[in-house]
Amino acid sequence: MHTAARAFETAWDLQPMSLLDRTARRAPVTGEREKAARRGLTESARESLQRTVREAAARATGTADFLTRLRDAGLRVREHHDENGALDGYAVALPGDRADRGTRPV
């Protein structure tokens, strides 16, 4: 697919895309699928988080509403603010889902 895309970009004088634009959802890796199976879950933590964040984003009327919806859905939310105090990112985790022998949220 990448080879065909490069050929079209060249043939039609299009601006080349980055080889890895990182816009696609990442599939769960083997360990994530196995962890979900051990816990009797139908989806991995990654899939659950992606679904919940997409639903919250689709329904939210603004940034504060989005973050509230994430928290109301039971997710742990860590906000990141720039030097002026404006929100410029966030991280989410499922409660109780930890790495490193329970030290860090996944």
Protein backbone atom coordinates (compact mmCIF):
# COMPACT_ATOMS: atom_id res chain seq x y z
CA MET A 1 0.00 0.00 0.00
CA HIS A 2 2.82 2.39 0.85
CA THR A 3 4.51 1.73 -2.49
CA ALA A 4 1.28 2.41 -4.36
CA ALA A 5 0.69 5.60 -2.36
CA ARG A 6 4.22 6.86 -3.16
CA ALA A 7 3.60 6.13 -6.87
CA PHE A 8 0.33 8.12 -6.86
CA GLU A 9 1.97 11.01 -5.03
CA THR A 10 4.72 11.14 -7.63
CA ALA A 11 2.44 10.67 -10.65
CA TRP A 12 -0.01 13.39 -9.61
CA ASP A 13 2.53 15.73 -8.01
CA LEU A 14 0.94 15.37 -4.58
CA GLN A 15 2.61 16.28 -1.32
CA PRO A 16 4.14 13.07 0.07
CA MET A 17 2.72 11.80 3.34
CA SER A 18 4.88 10.75 6.21
CA LEU A 19 5.60 7.04 6.10
CA LEU A 20 4.22 6.73 9.63
CA ASP A 21 1.56 9.35 10.28
CA ARG A 22 0.47 7.61 13.53
CA THR A 23 -3.22 8.37 12.98
CA ALA A 24 -4.40 4.77 12.98
CA ARG A 25 -5.46 3.08 16.18
CA ARG A 26 -2.84 0.71 17.53
CA ALA A 27 -3.96 -2.85 17.91
CA PRO A 28 -3.39 -4.55 21.25
CA VAL A 29 -0.19 -6.56 21.45
CA THR A 30 -0.09 -10.21 22.47
CA GLY A 31 0.55 -9.46 26.15
CA GLU A 32 -2.44 -7.12 26.30
CA ARG A 33 -4.72 -9.72 24.73
CA GLU A 34 -3.44 -12.42 27.09
CA LYS A 35 -3.90 -10.17 30.13
CA ALA A 36 -7.51 -9.48 29.09
CA ALA A 37 -8.13 -13.21 28.61
CA ARG A 38 -6.70 -14.02 32.06
CA ARG A 39 -9.03 -11.47 33.59
CA GLY A 40 -12.02 -12.77 31.63
CA LEU A 41 -12.45 -9.50 29.72
CA THR A 42 -13.81 -9.30 26.18
CA GLU A 43 -11.42 -6.51 25.16
CA SER A 44 -7.96 -5.34 26.14
CA ALA A 45 -7.33 -2.26 28.27
CA ARG A 46 -6.13 -0.42 25.14
CA GLU A 47 -9.35 -1.18 23.26
CA SER A 48 -11.51 -0.23 26.25
CA LEU A 49 -9.66 3.06 26.70
CA GLN A 50 -9.84 3.90 22.98
CA ARG A 51 -13.57 3.21 22.87
CA THR A 52 -14.31 5.21 26.01
CA VAL A 53 -12.21 8.20 24.92
CA ARG A 54 -13.81 8.25 21.44
CA GLU A 55 -17.30 8.15 22.96
CA ALA A 56 -16.48 10.94 25.41
CA ALA A 57 -14.98 13.08 22.64
CA ALA A 58 -18.00 12.57 20.40
CA ARG A 59 -20.43 13.67 23.13
CA ALA A 60 -18.42 16.42 24.81
CA THR A 61 -19.31 20.08 24.35
CA GLY A 62 -15.89 21.35 25.41
CA THR A 63 -12.64 20.46 27.11
CA ALA A 64 -13.99 20.49 30.67
CA ASP A 65 -16.99 18.38 29.62
CA PHE A 66 -14.67 15.91 27.86
CA LEU A 67 -12.49 15.45 30.95
CA THR A 68 -15.56 15.14 33.17
CA ARG A 69 -17.00 12.46 30.86
CA LEU A 70 -13.75 10.50 31.04
CA ARG A 71 -13.77 10.62 34.84
CA ASP A 72 -17.49 9.80 34.99
CA ALA A 73 -16.77 6.73 32.82
CA GLY A 74 -14.46 5.55 35.61
CA LEU A 75 -11.11 6.35 33.97
CA ARG A 76 -8.12 7.79 35.75
CA VAL A 77 -7.19 11.03 33.98
CA ARG A 78 -3.85 12.83 34.20
CA GLU A 79 -3.90 16.27 32.63
CA HIS A 80 -0.84 17.96 31.14
CA HIS A 81 -0.69 21.75 31.07
CA ASP A 82 1.70 24.05 29.22
CA GLU A 83 3.74 26.79 30.89
CA ASN A 84 0.72 29.14 30.70
CA GLY A 85 -1.57 26.66 32.42
CA ALA A 86 -3.51 25.72 29.27
CA LEU A 87 -4.36 22.05 28.83
CA ASP A 88 -2.21 20.62 26.06
CA GLY A 89 -2.57 16.90 26.65
CA TYR A 90 -3.90 14.13 28.84
CA ALA A 91 -3.35 10.48 29.69
CA VAL A 92 -5.95 7.93 30.71
CA ALA A 93 -5.78 4.62 32.55
CA LEU A 94 -8.20 2.04 33.85
CA PRO A 95 -8.45 1.98 37.65
CA GLY A 96 -6.38 -0.86 39.09
CA ASP A 97 -4.56 -1.58 35.81
CA ARG A 98 -0.94 -1.19 36.84
CA ALA A 99 2.52 -2.04 35.54
CA ASP A 100 5.83 -2.58 37.31
CA ARG A 101 4.41 -4.66 40.14
CA GLY A 102 1.62 -2.20 40.81
CA THR A 103 3.58 1.04 40.81
CA ARG A 104 2.49 2.86 37.63
CA PRO A 105 -0.93 3.01 35.96
CA VAL A 106 -0.92 1.43 32.50
